[in-house]
Amino acid sequence: ASAKQRAGRAGRLQPGLCVRIYSEQEFLGGDNKFMDHSMPEIWSSDLTPMTLLLIDWGCGSIVDIMENVPFVDRPKVEDL
């Protein structure tokens, strides 16, 4: 996803060039080396500080958090 986004920025304001340091075969290959979209940050973040803050604000349990917090990308219960 980042590679496509950066290529789109090349030449936006003036003539530009996008140079990749990998082959087109690697980029287009079916080995899933390049993801179509980046993984949401919440899936790889430490959620402990946020969980403790929500508990301090009155969420009494993980169930309360999962049911009442409007997550954009809902984390897995086991990650909380």
N, C-alpha and C. Protein backbone atom coordinates (compact mmCIF):
# COMPACT_ATOMS: atom_id res chain seq x y z
N ALA A 1 0.83 -1.19 0.00
CA ALA A 1 0.00 0.00 0.00
C ALA A 1 0.88 1.25 0.00
N SER A 2 1.91 1.25 0.82
CA SER A 2 2.78 2.43 0.91
C SER A 2 3.51 2.67 -0.41
N ALA A 3 3.93 1.59 -1.07
CA ALA A 3 4.65 1.74 -2.34
C ALA A 3 3.76 2.39 -3.39
N LYS A 4 2.51 1.97 -3.46
CA LYS A 4 1.57 2.55 -4.44
C LYS A 4 1.28 4.01 -4.08
N GLN A 5 1.12 4.29 -2.80
CA GLN A 5 0.84 5.66 -2.37
C GLN A 5 2.00 6.59 -2.71
N ARG A 6 3.21 6.15 -2.45
CA ARG A 6 4.36 6.99 -2.74
C ARG A 6 4.56 7.18 -4.24
N ALA A 7 4.28 6.16 -5.02
CA ALA A 7 4.38 6.30 -6.48
C ALA A 7 3.37 7.33 -6.98
N GLY A 8 2.21 7.37 -6.36
CA GLY A 8 1.20 8.35 -6.74
C GLY A 8 1.62 9.78 -6.43
N ARG A 9 2.47 9.94 -5.44
CA ARG A 9 2.95 11.28 -5.07
C ARG A 9 4.04 11.79 -6.00
N ALA A 10 4.75 10.89 -6.66
CA ALA A 10 5.83 11.30 -7.56
C ALA A 10 5.22 12.04 -8.74
N GLY A 11 5.64 13.24 -8.94
CA GLY A 11 5.16 14.02 -10.08
C GLY A 11 3.86 14.75 -9.83
N ARG A 12 3.40 14.80 -8.61
CA ARG A 12 2.13 15.47 -8.33
C ARG A 12 2.22 16.98 -8.56
N LEU A 13 3.30 17.60 -8.11
CA LEU A 13 3.42 19.05 -8.23
C LEU A 13 4.30 19.49 -9.41
N GLN A 14 5.18 18.62 -9.81
CA GLN A 14 6.05 18.89 -10.95
C GLN A 14 6.49 17.54 -11.50
N PRO A 15 7.10 17.51 -12.68
CA PRO A 15 7.52 16.22 -13.21
C PRO A 15 8.37 15.46 -12.19
N GLY A 16 8.09 14.17 -12.04
CA GLY A 16 8.79 13.38 -11.03
C GLY A 16 9.06 11.97 -11.51
N LEU A 17 9.74 11.23 -10.67
CA LEU A 17 10.13 9.87 -10.98
C LEU A 17 10.04 9.05 -9.71
N CYS A 18 9.53 7.85 -9.82
CA CYS A 18 9.46 6.93 -8.69
C CYS A 18 10.43 5.78 -8.97
N VAL A 19 11.44 5.65 -8.13
CA VAL A 19 12.44 4.59 -8.30
C VAL A 19 12.22 3.55 -7.21
N ARG A 20 11.99 2.32 -7.62
CA ARG A 20 11.80 1.23 -6.67
C ARG A 20 13.07 0.40 -6.60
N ILE A 21 13.38 -0.11 -5.42
CA ILE A 21 14.61 -0.90 -5.26
C ILE A 21 14.30 -2.39 -5.20
N TYR A 22 13.23 -2.78 -5.86
CA TYR A 22 12.85 -4.18 -5.98
C TYR A 22 12.29 -4.37 -7.39
N SER A 23 12.26 -5.60 -7.84
CA SER A 23 11.82 -5.86 -9.21
C SER A 23 10.30 -5.78 -9.32
N GLU A 24 9.84 -5.55 -10.54
CA GLU A 24 8.40 -5.53 -10.78
C GLU A 24 7.80 -6.91 -10.49
N GLN A 25 8.57 -7.95 -10.76
CA GLN A 25 8.11 -9.32 -10.48
C GLN A 25 7.87 -9.50 -8.98
N GLU A 26 8.79 -8.98 -8.14
CA GLU A 26 8.59 -9.06 -6.69
C GLU A 26 7.34 -8.30 -6.27
N PHE A 27 7.15 -7.10 -6.86
CA PHE A 27 6.03 -6.25 -6.50
C PHE A 27 4.69 -6.87 -6.90
N LEU A 28 4.64 -7.47 -8.09
CA LEU A 28 3.39 -8.02 -8.60
C LEU A 28 3.20 -9.49 -8.28
N GLY A 29 4.24 -10.13 -7.74
CA GLY A 29 4.19 -11.57 -7.47
C GLY A 29 3.13 -11.96 -6.48
N GLY A 30 2.77 -13.22 -6.48
CA GLY A 30 1.71 -13.74 -5.62
C GLY A 30 2.18 -14.20 -4.26
N ASP A 31 3.39 -13.82 -3.85
CA ASP A 31 3.90 -14.30 -2.57
C ASP A 31 3.46 -13.45 -1.39
N ASN A 32 2.58 -12.46 -1.64
CA ASN A 32 2.05 -11.57 -0.61
C ASN A 32 3.14 -10.82 0.15
N LYS A 33 4.26 -10.58 -0.50
CA LYS A 33 5.34 -9.82 0.13
C LYS A 33 4.89 -8.38 0.37
N PHE A 34 4.08 -7.86 -0.56
CA PHE A 34 3.56 -6.51 -0.44
C PHE A 34 2.05 -6.59 -0.19
N MET A 35 1.63 -6.02 0.92
CA MET A 35 0.22 -6.05 1.28
C MET A 35 -0.54 -4.96 0.52
N ASP A 36 -1.81 -5.21 0.21
CA ASP A 36 -2.64 -4.20 -0.45
C ASP A 36 -2.88 -3.02 0.47
N HIS A 37 -3.02 -3.29 1.76
CA HIS A 37 -3.26 -2.24 2.76
C HIS A 37 -2.39 -2.52 3.97
N SER A 38 -1.97 -1.46 4.62
CA SER A 38 -1.20 -1.61 5.84
C SER A 38 -2.09 -2.15 6.95
N MET A 39 -1.50 -2.90 7.86
CA MET A 39 -2.24 -3.42 9.00
C MET A 39 -2.61 -2.25 9.92
N PRO A 40 -3.87 -2.18 10.40
CA PRO A 40 -4.23 -1.10 11.32
C PRO A 40 -3.32 -1.09 12.54
N GLU A 41 -2.89 0.10 12.93
CA GLU A 41 -1.93 0.24 14.03
C GLU A 41 -2.46 -0.35 15.33
N ILE A 42 -3.78 -0.29 15.54
CA ILE A 42 -4.34 -0.80 16.80
C ILE A 42 -4.09 -2.29 16.95
N TRP A 43 -3.90 -3.01 15.84
CA TRP A 43 -3.66 -4.45 15.91
C TRP A 43 -2.26 -4.77 16.42
N SER A 44 -1.34 -3.81 16.35
CA SER A 44 0.02 -4.09 16.80
C SER A 44 0.45 -3.21 17.98
N SER A 45 -0.46 -2.39 18.48
CA SER A 45 -0.13 -1.48 19.58
C SER A 45 -0.37 -2.13 20.94
N ASP A 46 0.37 -1.65 21.93
CA ASP A 46 0.13 -2.07 23.31
C ASP A 46 -1.10 -1.33 23.81
N LEU A 47 -2.16 -2.05 24.11
CA LEU A 47 -3.42 -1.45 24.51
C LEU A 47 -3.57 -1.32 26.02
N THR A 48 -2.55 -1.69 26.77
CA THR A 48 -2.63 -1.64 28.23
C THR A 48 -2.94 -0.23 28.75
N PRO A 49 -2.21 0.81 28.32
CA PRO A 49 -2.51 2.15 28.84
C PRO A 49 -3.95 2.59 28.54
N MET A 50 -4.41 2.31 27.32
CA MET A 50 -5.77 2.69 26.96
C MET A 50 -6.79 1.91 27.79
N THR A 51 -6.55 0.63 28.00
CA THR A 51 -7.47 -0.20 28.78
C THR A 51 -7.54 0.31 30.21
N LEU A 52 -6.40 0.63 30.82
CA LEU A 52 -6.40 1.14 32.19
C LEU A 52 -7.12 2.49 32.29
N LEU A 53 -6.94 3.35 31.29
CA LEU A 53 -7.62 4.64 31.27
C LEU A 53 -9.13 4.45 31.16
N LEU A 54 -9.58 3.55 30.31
CA LEU A 54 -11.01 3.29 30.17
C LEU A 54 -11.61 2.73 31.46
N ILE A 55 -10.87 1.88 32.14
CA ILE A 55 -11.33 1.35 33.42
C ILE A 55 -11.43 2.49 34.43
N ASP A 56 -10.43 3.40 34.42
CA ASP A 56 -10.45 4.56 35.32
C ASP A 56 -11.65 5.46 35.02
N TRP A 57 -12.07 5.52 33.77
CA TRP A 57 -13.21 6.35 33.37
C TRP A 57 -14.54 5.68 33.67
N GLY A 58 -14.51 4.43 34.14
CA GLY A 58 -15.75 3.79 34.54
C GLY A 58 -16.15 2.54 33.78
N CYS A 59 -15.40 2.16 32.76
CA CYS A 59 -15.69 0.89 32.10
C CYS A 59 -15.25 -0.20 33.06
N GLY A 60 -16.20 -1.02 33.50
CA GLY A 60 -15.91 -1.98 34.56
C GLY A 60 -15.27 -3.27 34.10
N SER A 61 -15.34 -3.56 32.81
CA SER A 61 -14.81 -4.83 32.33
C SER A 61 -14.46 -4.74 30.85
N ILE A 62 -13.80 -5.74 30.37
CA ILE A 62 -13.48 -5.83 28.94
C ILE A 62 -14.77 -5.86 28.13
N VAL A 63 -15.79 -6.53 28.65
CA VAL A 63 -17.08 -6.58 27.95
C VAL A 63 -17.64 -5.17 27.78
N ASP A 64 -17.58 -4.34 28.84
CA ASP A 64 -18.03 -2.94 28.75
C ASP A 64 -17.26 -2.19 27.66
N ILE A 65 -15.96 -2.38 27.65
CA ILE A 65 -15.11 -1.70 26.68
C ILE A 65 -15.50 -2.14 25.26
N MET A 66 -15.61 -3.43 25.04
CA MET A 66 -15.89 -3.94 23.70
C MET A 66 -17.29 -3.54 23.22
N GLU A 67 -18.25 -3.43 24.14
CA GLU A 67 -19.63 -3.10 23.75
C GLU A 67 -19.87 -1.60 23.63
N ASN A 68 -19.13 -0.78 24.38
CA ASN A 68 -19.46 0.64 24.47
C ASN A 68 -18.46 1.59 23.82
N VAL A 69 -17.28 1.13 23.49
CA VAL A 69 -16.29 2.01 22.86
C VAL A 69 -16.41 1.86 21.34
N PRO A 70 -16.61 2.99 20.63
CA PRO A 70 -16.80 2.92 19.17
C PRO A 70 -15.48 2.83 18.41
N PHE A 71 -14.83 1.67 18.49
CA PHE A 71 -13.56 1.47 17.77
C PHE A 71 -13.78 1.54 16.26
N VAL A 72 -12.82 2.12 15.54
CA VAL A 72 -12.85 2.08 14.09
C VAL A 72 -12.47 0.68 13.63
N ASP A 73 -11.36 0.16 14.17
CA ASP A 73 -10.93 -1.21 13.92
C ASP A 73 -10.93 -1.90 15.27
N ARG A 74 -11.98 -2.66 15.55
CA ARG A 74 -12.15 -3.29 16.86
C ARG A 74 -11.03 -4.30 17.11
N PRO A 75 -10.31 -4.15 18.25
CA PRO A 75 -9.26 -5.11 18.58
C PRO A 75 -9.87 -6.44 19.03
N LYS A 76 -9.07 -7.47 18.99
CA LYS A 76 -9.51 -8.79 19.48
C LYS A 76 -9.57 -8.74 21.01
N VAL A 77 -10.54 -9.41 21.58
CA VAL A 77 -10.70 -9.43 23.04
C VAL A 77 -9.44 -9.92 23.71
N GLU A 78 -8.80 -10.94 23.16
CA GLU A 78 -7.59 -11.49 23.79
C GLU A 78 -6.43 -10.49 23.77
N ASP A 79 -6.47 -9.48 22.89
CA ASP A 79 -5.43 -8.45 22.88
C ASP A 79 -5.61 -7.43 23.99
N LEU A 80 -6.81 -7.35 24.54
CA LEU A 80 -7.04 -6.44 25.66
C LEU A 80 -6.72 -7.15 26.94
